[in-house]
Amino acid sequence: MRLLTHNMLSSNIKGVANGFPLRIEAETVIKKEVDFNPDFLKNMFAKIEWKALVDAAKAMGYAELPEEAECAMLESEEFMRKFHHAVLEVDLEEGALICPETGRKFPVKKGIPNMLLLEDEV
């Protein structure tokens, strides 16, 4: 699961008021090389919750992102390469996503998060 995907997921358990961002419990993290596409990154930047991305990247062992980011940074090749690596090349292969409010763990197996809810959570 890429961090781009993680940044758009939240816990939808009944009664949860704040299910974002899901915490990451990483067991296996892999790196997958992806072609660099600055136009895609520039379009995605406004949709990214930056603090959630930074925290998730750190949980997966990647601490190269700045704590804060602004649109002007998109002109820096160095920043864009780090942003690209974080959102597209760092993958959570095995682990869990944890609801920040309830502590409920959603397993991630073979890079696929299982966000299905139990009967009493719907």
Protein backbone atom coordinates (compact mmCIF):
# COMPACT_ATOMS: atom_id res chain seq x y z
CA MET A 1 0.00 0.00 0.00
CA ARG A 2 1.45 3.30 -1.05
CA LEU A 3 1.42 6.31 1.22
CA LEU A 4 -0.66 8.11 -1.39
CA THR A 5 -3.41 5.56 -0.69
CA HIS A 6 -2.90 5.80 3.07
CA ASN A 7 -3.37 9.57 2.94
CA MET A 8 -6.89 9.08 1.59
CA LEU A 9 -8.11 6.33 3.93
CA SER A 10 -9.96 6.78 7.20
CA SER A 11 -11.78 4.61 9.71
CA ASN A 12 -15.52 4.44 9.06
CA ILE A 13 -16.48 2.61 12.23
CA LYS A 14 -19.91 3.64 13.52
CA GLY A 15 -19.60 6.41 16.09
CA VAL A 16 -16.02 7.37 15.19
CA ALA A 17 -15.78 11.15 14.85
CA ASN A 18 -12.13 11.36 13.87
CA GLY A 19 -10.90 8.31 11.96
CA PHE A 20 -8.05 10.11 10.14
CA PRO A 21 -5.17 9.64 9.89
CA LEU A 22 -4.83 5.94 10.46
CA ARG A 23 -1.62 5.08 12.30
CA ILE A 24 0.71 2.64 10.59
CA GLU A 25 2.15 -0.42 12.26
CA ALA A 26 4.71 -1.61 9.72
CA GLU A 27 6.00 -5.17 9.62
CA THR A 28 7.35 -5.24 6.06
CA VAL A 29 8.10 -2.15 3.98
CA ILE A 30 9.35 -2.46 0.42
CA LYS A 31 10.61 0.05 -2.11
CA LYS A 32 9.19 -0.06 -5.65
CA GLU A 33 10.75 2.10 -8.33
CA VAL A 34 8.21 4.27 -10.15
CA ASP A 35 8.84 6.67 -13.03
CA PHE A 36 9.18 10.27 -11.84
CA ASN A 37 6.20 12.37 -12.94
CA PRO A 38 6.40 15.96 -11.62
CA ASP A 39 3.06 16.97 -13.19
CA PHE A 40 1.24 14.21 -11.30
CA LEU A 41 2.93 15.25 -8.04
CA LYS A 42 2.01 18.91 -8.54
CA ASN A 43 -1.63 17.96 -9.09
CA MET A 44 -1.68 15.68 -6.03
CA PHE A 45 0.07 18.10 -3.67
CA ALA A 46 -3.09 20.10 -2.86
CA LYS A 47 -4.97 16.88 -2.01
CA ILE A 48 -2.36 15.60 0.45
CA GLU A 49 -2.74 16.06 4.21
CA TRP A 50 0.93 16.88 4.77
CA LYS A 51 1.30 16.11 8.50
CA ALA A 52 -0.37 12.72 8.00
CA LEU A 53 2.03 11.98 5.14
CA VAL A 54 5.11 12.94 7.16
CA ASP A 55 4.02 10.86 10.16
CA ALA A 56 3.17 7.86 7.98
CA ALA A 57 6.48 8.08 6.13
CA LYS A 58 8.36 8.15 9.45
CA ALA A 59 6.38 5.10 10.65
CA MET A 60 7.63 3.30 7.56
CA GLY A 61 11.24 4.35 8.07
CA TYR A 62 11.40 7.31 5.66
CA ALA A 63 12.27 10.55 7.44
CA GLU A 64 13.41 12.74 4.52
CA LEU A 65 10.26 14.88 4.20
CA PRO A 66 10.16 18.37 5.73
CA GLU A 67 7.71 18.85 8.62
CA GLU A 68 5.82 21.49 6.63
CA ALA A 69 5.44 22.08 2.90
CA GLU A 70 4.07 24.83 0.70
CA CYS A 71 3.35 25.16 -3.03
CA ALA A 72 6.56 27.09 -3.70
CA MET A 73 8.54 23.97 -2.76
CA LEU A 74 7.17 22.24 -5.87
CA GLU A 75 9.78 24.18 -7.87
CA SER A 76 12.60 22.33 -6.09
CA GLU A 77 13.74 19.13 -7.80
CA GLU A 78 15.16 17.86 -4.50
CA PHE A 79 11.81 18.33 -2.72
CA MET A 80 9.89 16.77 -5.62
CA ARG A 81 12.13 13.68 -5.61
CA LYS A 82 11.60 13.19 -1.87
CA PHE A 83 7.84 13.74 -2.23
CA HIS A 84 7.74 11.28 -5.14
CA HIS A 85 9.65 8.64 -3.19
CA ALA A 86 7.39 8.99 -0.15
CA VAL A 87 4.02 8.85 -1.91
CA LEU A 88 4.79 6.42 -4.73
CA GLU A 89 7.81 4.24 -3.96
CA VAL A 90 7.55 3.38 -0.25
CA ASP A 91 5.03 0.54 0.10
CA LEU A 92 3.58 -1.07 3.20
CA GLU A 93 3.62 -4.75 2.27
CA GLU A 94 2.62 -6.26 5.65
CA GLY A 95 1.35 -4.59 8.81
CA ALA A 96 -1.74 -2.80 10.04
CA LEU A 97 -3.60 0.48 9.91
CA ILE A 98 -4.90 1.57 13.30
CA CYS A 99 -7.95 3.73 13.95
CA PRO A 100 -6.78 6.74 15.98
CA GLU A 101 -9.99 6.81 18.01
CA THR A 102 -10.80 3.16 18.74
CA GLY A 103 -7.45 1.43 18.27
CA ARG A 104 -9.08 -1.07 15.88
CA LYS A 105 -6.45 -2.66 13.63
CA PHE A 106 -7.09 -3.12 9.93
CA PRO A 107 -4.61 -5.66 8.55
CA VAL A 108 -2.47 -5.03 5.47
CA LYS A 109 -1.46 -8.21 3.63
CA LYS A 110 0.51 -8.27 0.38
CA GLY A 111 0.11 -4.49 0.17
CA ILE A 112 -3.70 -4.57 0.37
CA PRO A 113 -5.47 -2.97 3.36
CA ASN A 114 -8.55 -4.83 4.61
CA MET A 115 -10.90 -2.06 5.73
CA LEU A 116 -13.98 -4.30 6.05
CA LEU A 117 -15.99 -3.58 9.17
CA LEU A 118 -17.43 -6.15 11.57
CA GLU A 119 -21.22 -6.33 11.98
CA ASP A 120 -21.21 -4.33 15.21
CA GLU A 121 -19.04 -1.59 13.62
CA VAL A 122 -21.44 -0.75 10.79
